[in-house]
Amino acid sequence: MDSSLVQLSPAILVTVPVIMGLTQLIKNSNFVGARYVPILCVALSVLAAFVVTDASWQQTLIQGLSVGLMSIGAFAGTRSTVQG
């Protein structure tokens, strides 16, 4: 695999807290059920990756998936730390 496919650009890393905030707002509005929030988070991250980066579509897709999974993990880790 080409190593340039797995490199994350700084612009895409900035979207992690933005995606976390958007998914939290959507979850609190009861627009989407809580069980679908991780899927929504990954979908928003892939969309944001295509908006923010100008890399090839393969690299952008991998970056979007990575950021989505980071957002889900950061949210779950924070939630479990706060709840105890």
C-alpha atoms as a PDB file:
ATOM      1  CA  MET A   1       0.000   0.000   0.000  1.00  0.00           C
ATOM      2  CA  ASP A   2       1.219   3.481  -0.790  1.00  0.00           C
ATOM      3  CA  SER A   3       2.250   5.269   2.411  1.00  0.00           C
ATOM      4  CA  SER A   4       0.795   8.553   1.172  1.00  0.00           C
ATOM      5  CA  LEU A   5      -2.693   7.046   1.421  1.00  0.00           C
ATOM      6  CA  VAL A   6      -2.561   6.851   5.200  1.00  0.00           C
ATOM      7  CA  GLN A   7      -1.099  10.274   5.953  1.00  0.00           C
ATOM      8  CA  LEU A   8      -3.538  12.683   7.576  1.00  0.00           C
ATOM      9  CA  SER A   9      -3.433  16.316   6.587  1.00  0.00           C
ATOM     10  CA  PRO A  10      -3.583  18.960   9.339  1.00  0.00           C
ATOM     11  CA  ALA A  11      -6.749  20.407   7.812  1.00  0.00           C
ATOM     12  CA  ILE A  12      -8.639  17.159   8.246  1.00  0.00           C
ATOM     13  CA  LEU A  13      -7.521  16.767  11.868  1.00  0.00           C
ATOM     14  CA  VAL A  14      -9.159  20.093  12.709  1.00  0.00           C
ATOM     15  CA  THR A  15     -12.505  18.598  11.748  1.00  0.00           C
ATOM     16  CA  VAL A  16     -12.439  16.029  14.597  1.00  0.00           C
ATOM     17  CA  PRO A  17     -13.892  18.362  17.266  1.00  0.00           C
ATOM     18  CA  VAL A  18     -16.249  19.906  14.710  1.00  0.00           C
ATOM     19  CA  ILE A  19     -17.662  16.506  13.774  1.00  0.00           C
ATOM     20  CA  MET A  20     -17.936  15.573  17.461  1.00  0.00           C
ATOM     21  CA  GLY A  21     -19.913  18.740  18.129  1.00  0.00           C
ATOM     22  CA  LEU A  22     -22.210  18.282  15.137  1.00  0.00           C
ATOM     23  CA  THR A  23     -23.025  14.702  15.999  1.00  0.00           C
ATOM     24  CA  GLN A  24     -23.694  15.668  19.616  1.00  0.00           C
ATOM     25  CA  LEU A  25     -26.103  18.399  18.488  1.00  0.00           C
ATOM     26  CA  ILE A  26     -27.898  16.013  16.168  1.00  0.00           C
ATOM     27  CA  LYS A  27     -28.075  13.366  18.887  1.00  0.00           C
ATOM     28  CA  ASN A  28     -29.481  15.828  21.430  1.00  0.00           C
ATOM     29  CA  SER A  29     -32.116  17.045  18.966  1.00  0.00           C
ATOM     30  CA  ASN A  30     -33.469  13.472  18.666  1.00  0.00           C
ATOM     31  CA  PHE A  31     -33.311  13.811  14.880  1.00  0.00           C
ATOM     32  CA  VAL A  32     -31.418  10.520  14.671  1.00  0.00           C
ATOM     33  CA  GLY A  33     -31.546   7.639  17.116  1.00  0.00           C
ATOM     34  CA  ALA A  34     -28.541   7.219  19.406  1.00  0.00           C
ATOM     35  CA  ARG A  35     -27.657   3.888  17.825  1.00  0.00           C
ATOM     36  CA  TYR A  36     -27.131   5.553  14.429  1.00  0.00           C
ATOM     37  CA  VAL A  37     -24.840   8.339  15.701  1.00  0.00           C
ATOM     38  CA  PRO A  38     -21.574   6.455  14.933  1.00  0.00           C
ATOM     39  CA  ILE A  39     -22.682   5.887  11.333  1.00  0.00           C
ATOM     40  CA  LEU A  40     -23.644   9.544  11.049  1.00  0.00           C
ATOM     41  CA  CYS A  41     -20.295  10.563  12.518  1.00  0.00           C
ATOM     42  CA  VAL A  42     -18.350   8.562   9.935  1.00  0.00           C
ATOM     43  CA  ALA A  43     -20.550   9.825   7.083  1.00  0.00           C
ATOM     44  CA  LEU A  44     -20.087  13.470   8.146  1.00  0.00           C
ATOM     45  CA  SER A  45     -16.348  12.923   8.464  1.00  0.00           C
ATOM     46  CA  VAL A  46     -16.055  11.506   4.954  1.00  0.00           C
ATOM     47  CA  LEU A  47     -18.098  14.416   3.607  1.00  0.00           C
ATOM     48  CA  ALA A  48     -15.908  16.902   5.490  1.00  0.00           C
ATOM     49  CA  ALA A  49     -12.788  15.225   4.147  1.00  0.00           C
ATOM     50  CA  PHE A  50     -13.970  15.728   0.576  1.00  0.00           C
ATOM     51  CA  VAL A  51     -14.700  19.397   1.338  1.00  0.00           C
ATOM     52  CA  VAL A  52     -11.480  20.170   3.220  1.00  0.00           C
ATOM     53  CA  THR A  53      -8.797  18.232   1.357  1.00  0.00           C
ATOM     54  CA  ASP A  54      -7.701  18.265  -2.242  1.00  0.00           C
ATOM     55  CA  ALA A  55      -6.033  14.847  -2.321  1.00  0.00           C
ATOM     56  CA  SER A  56      -7.003  11.875  -4.468  1.00  0.00           C
ATOM     57  CA  TRP A  57     -10.368  10.344  -3.745  1.00  0.00           C
ATOM     58  CA  GLN A  58      -8.753   7.233  -2.241  1.00  0.00           C
ATOM     59  CA  GLN A  59      -6.672   9.266   0.192  1.00  0.00           C
ATOM     60  CA  THR A  60      -9.635  11.505   1.015  1.00  0.00           C
ATOM     61  CA  LEU A  61     -11.848   8.503   1.717  1.00  0.00           C
ATOM     62  CA  ILE A  62      -9.260   6.943   4.038  1.00  0.00           C
ATOM     63  CA  GLN A  63      -8.753  10.267   5.822  1.00  0.00           C
ATOM     64  CA  GLY A  64     -12.502  10.709   6.261  1.00  0.00           C
ATOM     65  CA  LEU A  65     -12.937   7.217   7.672  1.00  0.00           C
ATOM     66  CA  SER A  66      -9.975   7.724  10.015  1.00  0.00           C
ATOM     67  CA  VAL A  67     -11.316  11.039  11.286  1.00  0.00           C
ATOM     68  CA  GLY A  68     -14.780   9.540  11.784  1.00  0.00           C
ATOM     69  CA  LEU A  69     -13.388   6.698  13.837  1.00  0.00           C
ATOM     70  CA  MET A  70     -11.230   9.150  15.822  1.00  0.00           C
ATOM     71  CA  SER A  71     -14.306  11.261  16.552  1.00  0.00           C
ATOM     72  CA  ILE A  72     -16.277   8.262  17.765  1.00  0.00           C
ATOM     73  CA  GLY A  73     -13.384   7.096  19.940  1.00  0.00           C
ATOM     74  CA  ALA A  74     -12.729  10.525  21.417  1.00  0.00           C
ATOM     75  CA  PHE A  75     -16.412  10.964  22.231  1.00  0.00           C
ATOM     76  CA  ALA A  76     -16.735   7.524  23.821  1.00  0.00           C
ATOM     77  CA  GLY A  77     -13.526   7.958  25.810  1.00  0.00           C
ATOM     78  CA  THR A  78     -14.601  11.352  27.117  1.00  0.00           C
ATOM     79  CA  ARG A  79     -18.065  10.092  27.987  1.00  0.00           C
ATOM     80  CA  SER A  80     -16.771   7.091  29.925  1.00  0.00           C
ATOM     81  CA  THR A  81     -14.265   9.271  31.797  1.00  0.00           C
ATOM     82  CA  VAL A  82     -16.911  11.802  32.825  1.00  0.00           C
ATOM     83  CA  GLN A  83     -19.516   9.199  33.769  1.00  0.00           C
ATOM     84  CA  GLY A  84     -16.982   7.185  35.769  1.00  0.00           C
END
